[in-house]
Amino acid sequence: MTGGAEMLQAEEIGLVQVVDFDAEVGERVPPKAWKKSLLVVACCLLCTCVLGVPTAFLFMGNGKGAEEGDTSILIENRSLPQVAAHHQHSAVKPRAHLTVAQDKWQETSKDFVHWEDKLSMAFSRGMTYREPFLEITVTGDYYIYAQVTFKHVHPCREASKSIQLSINRKSDRYDVPEELISSTKSVVSKCPWSQPIYLGAVVNLEQRDQLVVNASHLKMVDIKTEHKTFFGAFLL
């Protein structure tokens, strides 16, 4: 066997395979055609790996981005009502709680009760107090309330008395103040005595309306205790 590789035939599993025999090395080697096929297959596998890895990362990246995008949209959609609610609660609704003004107290012909709007328990937010009127700055439904406590005066005498309390509205729409709520009580008691009257109601008020409290027998009003004589309103 000379002149390069000699062709050998070997029967394996019923098939005839052709191989080259290298006389110098003494081993069987695949034919040249097979070498080319193996080279092509190896190149294809290499290209598939090279292209497949970036493609896989690309699809994974797109999927993750889409999921994150969807999540952000859901979070954003859920956050809109929360933001609106936050702004709504953070906005201060008009409200005021006034206490009896001890240093400003005086009896007038119109029986106005005078109030304190800054000291101690008293405050006014989003509303304006111009003595003796509490002015509305925003149109809406308000809960208005007032309590005035009456007590005996010295020298105390046993007698029957009728005490009255009312909350009135002064408005540009009316020539005279309008009575919103009122109450009357009769006091028949031995000395000493004390009688509170409380008023409260929901009313619709408009901007620039003014509320004022009128009471009978101003000399009998308890002006020493702020939690017994007070007046207020707040927007619902």
Protein backbone atom coordinates (compact mmCIF):
# COMPACT_ATOMS: atom_id res chain seq x y z
CA MET A 1 0.00 0.00 0.00
CA THR A 2 1.88 2.99 -1.28
CA GLY A 3 1.19 6.41 -2.84
CA GLY A 4 -0.71 8.00 0.08
CA ALA A 5 -3.69 6.55 1.93
CA GLU A 6 -5.16 3.21 0.98
CA MET A 7 -8.87 2.67 0.91
CA LEU A 8 -10.14 0.11 3.35
CA GLN A 9 -13.54 -1.31 3.59
CA ALA A 10 -15.04 -2.29 6.90
CA GLU A 11 -18.49 -3.61 7.48
CA GLU A 12 -20.08 -2.05 10.56
CA ILE A 13 -23.70 -2.69 11.40
CA GLY A 14 -24.50 -3.58 7.85
CA LEU A 15 -22.99 -0.41 6.40
CA VAL A 16 -19.82 0.19 4.55
CA GLN A 17 -17.80 3.11 5.77
CA VAL A 18 -14.93 4.52 3.84
CA VAL A 19 -11.93 5.81 5.72
CA ASP A 20 -8.46 6.96 4.79
CA PHE A 21 -5.42 5.21 6.12
CA ASP A 22 -2.34 7.27 6.72
CA ALA A 23 0.59 5.00 6.03
CA GLU A 24 3.07 7.24 7.73
CA VAL A 25 1.09 7.65 10.92
CA GLY A 26 -0.42 4.22 10.87
CA GLU A 27 -3.95 5.41 11.82
CA ARG A 28 -7.29 5.68 10.12
CA VAL A 29 -8.37 9.24 9.38
CA PRO A 30 -11.69 10.67 8.08
CA PRO A 31 -11.84 11.52 4.42
CA LYS A 32 -11.39 15.16 3.36
CA ALA A 33 -15.09 15.60 2.57
CA TRP A 34 -15.97 14.65 6.11
CA LYS A 35 -13.44 17.11 7.42
CA LYS A 36 -15.13 19.91 5.52
CA SER A 37 -18.57 18.84 6.78
CA LEU A 38 -17.35 18.78 10.35
CA LEU A 39 -15.85 22.23 9.89
CA VAL A 40 -19.11 23.63 8.53
CA VAL A 41 -21.12 22.08 11.37
CA ALA A 42 -18.70 23.52 13.94
CA CYS A 43 -18.96 26.98 12.38
CA CYS A 44 -22.77 26.80 12.43
CA LEU A 45 -22.81 25.81 16.08
CA LEU A 46 -20.41 28.60 16.92
CA CYS A 47 -22.54 31.19 15.06
CA THR A 48 -25.66 29.91 16.77
CA CYS A 49 -24.09 30.33 20.19
CA VAL A 50 -22.69 33.77 19.35
CA LEU A 51 -26.02 35.06 18.01
CA GLY A 52 -28.24 33.21 20.45
CA VAL A 53 -26.82 34.64 23.65
CA PRO A 54 -27.42 38.34 22.76
CA THR A 55 -30.82 37.48 21.33
CA ALA A 56 -31.82 35.75 24.54
CA PHE A 57 -30.68 38.74 26.58
CA LEU A 58 -32.59 41.03 24.23
CA PHE A 59 -35.84 39.14 24.70
CA MET A 60 -35.29 38.94 28.44
CA GLY A 61 -34.60 42.65 28.57
CA ASN A 62 -37.73 43.50 26.57
CA GLY A 63 -39.87 41.28 28.73
CA LYS A 64 -38.49 42.80 31.89
CA GLY A 65 -38.94 46.30 30.55
CA ALA A 66 -42.51 45.58 29.58
CA GLU A 67 -43.23 44.13 32.99
CA GLU A 68 -41.63 47.10 34.70
CA GLY A 69 -43.53 49.43 32.41
CA ASP A 70 -46.81 47.73 33.19
CA THR A 71 -46.03 47.80 36.89
CA SER A 72 -45.19 51.48 36.80
CA ILE A 73 -48.43 52.20 34.97
CA LEU A 74 -50.42 50.28 37.55
CA ILE A 75 -48.63 52.02 40.37
CA GLU A 76 -49.21 55.37 38.70
CA ASN A 77 -52.90 54.62 38.15
CA ARG A 78 -53.30 53.54 41.74
CA SER A 79 -51.46 56.56 43.00
CA LEU A 80 -53.70 59.12 41.27
CA PRO A 81 -56.64 58.77 43.70
CA GLN A 82 -54.20 58.70 46.60
CA VAL A 83 -52.56 61.92 45.43
CA ALA A 84 -55.97 63.54 44.95
CA ALA A 85 -57.06 62.41 48.40
CA HIS A 86 -53.82 63.71 49.87
CA HIS A 87 -54.33 67.15 48.34
CA GLN A 88 -57.96 67.16 49.39
CA HIS A 89 -57.11 66.34 53.03
CA SER A 90 -54.12 68.65 53.07
CA ALA A 91 -56.28 71.61 52.02
CA VAL A 92 -57.57 73.33 55.17
CA LYS A 93 -61.34 73.56 55.20
CA PRO A 94 -62.74 76.76 56.69
CA ARG A 95 -63.36 76.33 60.40
CA ALA A 96 -63.46 78.42 63.54
CA HIS A 97 -63.99 77.92 67.24
CA LEU A 98 -64.42 81.09 69.26
CA THR A 99 -64.54 81.46 73.01
CA VAL A 100 -66.11 84.17 75.09
CA ALA A 101 -63.98 87.31 75.20
CA GLN A 102 -63.49 88.28 78.81
CA ASP A 103 -61.50 91.44 78.17
CA LYS A 104 -63.77 92.65 75.37
CA TRP A 105 -67.03 91.99 77.12
CA GLN A 106 -69.57 94.74 77.10
CA GLU A 107 -73.30 94.95 77.06
CA THR A 108 -74.67 96.50 73.89
CA SER A 109 -78.11 97.50 72.81
CA LYS A 110 -78.11 94.70 70.17
CA ASP A 111 -77.23 91.93 72.61
CA PHE A 112 -74.21 90.77 70.65
CA VAL A 113 -71.92 88.24 72.31
CA HIS A 114 -68.26 89.15 71.84
CA TRP A 115 -65.69 86.47 71.09
CA GLU A 116 -61.99 85.66 71.19
CA ASP A 117 -60.52 84.09 68.05
CA LYS A 118 -56.79 83.71 68.85
CA LEU A 119 -56.09 82.95 72.50
CA SER A 120 -56.24 79.64 74.35
CA MET A 121 -58.74 77.24 72.73
CA ALA A 122 -59.93 79.78 70.17
CA PHE A 123 -58.84 79.66 66.54
CA SER A 124 -60.00 80.69 63.09
CA ARG A 125 -58.73 79.04 59.88
CA GLY A 126 -60.03 80.01 56.48
CA MET A 127 -62.64 82.26 58.11
CA THR A 128 -62.49 85.87 59.23
CA TYR A 129 -63.67 87.21 62.57
CA ARG A 130 -64.60 90.87 62.62
CA GLU A 131 -66.12 91.57 65.99
CA PRO A 132 -68.78 90.48 66.59
CA PHE A 133 -69.26 88.78 63.17
CA LEU A 134 -67.75 85.54 61.86
CA GLU A 135 -67.45 85.94 58.10
CA ILE A 136 -67.78 83.06 55.64
CA THR A 137 -65.12 82.93 52.91
CA VAL A 138 -66.18 79.77 51.00
CA THR A 139 -69.71 78.87 49.90
CA GLY A 140 -70.93 75.50 51.15
CA ASP A 141 -72.75 73.53 53.82
CA TYR A 142 -71.58 74.36 57.34
CA TYR A 143 -72.25 72.99 60.76
CA ILE A 144 -72.76 76.00 63.00
CA TYR A 145 -72.99 75.83 66.77
CA ALA A 146 -73.03 77.99 69.87
CA GLN A 147 -73.37 77.51 73.58
CA VAL A 148 -73.95 80.25 76.10
CA THR A 149 -74.14 79.52 79.80
CA PHE A 150 -76.25 81.83 81.93
CA LYS A 151 -75.89 82.08 85.66
CA HIS A 152 -77.21 84.11 88.55
CA VAL A 153 -75.89 87.55 89.34
CA HIS A 154 -75.23 89.00 92.75
CA PRO A 155 -77.29 89.59 94.70
CA CYS A 156 -79.08 86.41 93.67
CA ARG A 157 -82.84 86.48 93.87
CA GLU A 158 -85.21 83.66 93.33
CA ALA A 159 -87.29 84.48 90.33
CA SER A 160 -88.53 83.03 87.05
CA LYS A 161 -86.55 84.16 84.05
CA SER A 162 -86.70 83.49 80.32
CA ILE A 163 -83.31 83.30 78.61
CA GLN A 164 -82.83 83.26 74.86
CA LEU A 165 -80.03 82.43 72.43
CA SER A 166 -79.89 82.65 68.63
CA ILE A 167 -77.45 82.48 65.72
CA ASN A 168 -78.27 84.99 63.02
CA ARG A 169 -76.98 85.60 59.52
CA LYS A 170 -76.17 89.01 58.13
CA SER A 171 -76.05 89.01 54.34
CA ASP A 172 -76.06 91.37 51.38
CA ARG A 173 -79.15 89.52 50.16
CA TYR A 174 -81.24 90.59 53.15
CA ASP A 175 -81.91 94.00 54.61
CA VAL A 176 -82.05 92.70 58.18
CA PRO A 177 -80.22 89.82 59.88
CA GLU A 178 -81.89 86.42 59.38
CA GLU A 179 -82.39 84.11 62.34
CA LEU A 180 -80.98 80.67 61.55
CA ILE A 181 -81.52 78.79 64.82
CA SER A 182 -82.68 79.81 68.27
CA SER A 183 -83.76 78.47 71.64
CA THR A 184 -85.55 79.79 74.69
CA LYS A 185 -85.50 78.38 78.19
CA SER A 186 -87.22 79.30 81.40
CA VAL A 187 -85.17 79.30 84.55
CA VAL A 188 -86.93 78.66 87.83
CA SER A 189 -84.42 77.65 90.44
CA LYS A 190 -83.03 78.60 93.75
CA CYS A 191 -79.83 80.56 94.07
CA PRO A 192 -77.21 79.90 92.93
CA TRP A 193 -78.15 78.61 89.49
CA SER A 194 -76.51 78.02 86.09
CA GLN A 195 -78.21 77.16 82.80
CA PRO A 196 -76.52 76.48 79.44
CA ILE A 197 -78.25 76.73 76.05
CA TYR A 198 -76.73 74.88 73.11
CA LEU A 199 -77.56 75.40 69.43
CA GLY A 200 -76.38 73.41 66.42
CA ALA A 201 -77.51 72.91 62.82
CA VAL A 202 -76.33 72.35 59.25
CA VAL A 203 -76.99 75.34 57.04
CA ASN A 204 -75.93 76.46 53.58
CA LEU A 205 -73.87 79.61 53.71
CA GLU A 206 -72.48 81.76 50.95
CA GLN A 207 -69.31 83.73 50.68
CA ARG A 208 -69.42 87.02 52.61
CA ASP A 209 -72.26 85.82 54.86
CA GLN A 210 -71.68 86.88 58.46
CA LEU A 211 -72.75 84.97 61.55
CA VAL A 212 -73.51 86.62 64.85
CA VAL A 213 -74.70 85.27 68.21
CA ASN A 214 -77.39 87.13 70.09
CA ALA A 215 -78.24 86.44 73.72
CA SER A 216 -80.63 87.91 76.21
CA HIS A 217 -79.53 89.04 79.65
CA LEU A 218 -75.89 89.60 78.75
CA LYS A 219 -75.11 90.39 82.38
CA MET A 220 -76.00 86.80 83.22
CA VAL A 221 -73.67 85.25 80.61
CA ASP A 222 -70.80 83.25 82.13
CA ILE A 223 -67.70 84.92 80.72
CA LYS A 224 -65.21 83.29 83.09
CA THR A 225 -65.14 79.77 81.63
CA GLU A 226 -64.32 79.34 77.93
CA HIS A 227 -65.59 75.77 77.67
CA LYS A 228 -69.04 76.88 78.85
CA THR A 229 -69.58 79.76 76.42
CA PHE A 230 -68.37 79.30 72.84
CA PHE A 231 -69.32 79.65 69.18
CA GLY A 232 -68.08 78.06 65.94
CA ALA A 233 -68.62 76.77 62.44
CA PHE A 234 -66.88 74.43 60.02
CA LEU A 235 -67.32 73.48 56.37
CA LEU A 236 -68.57 69.93 55.82
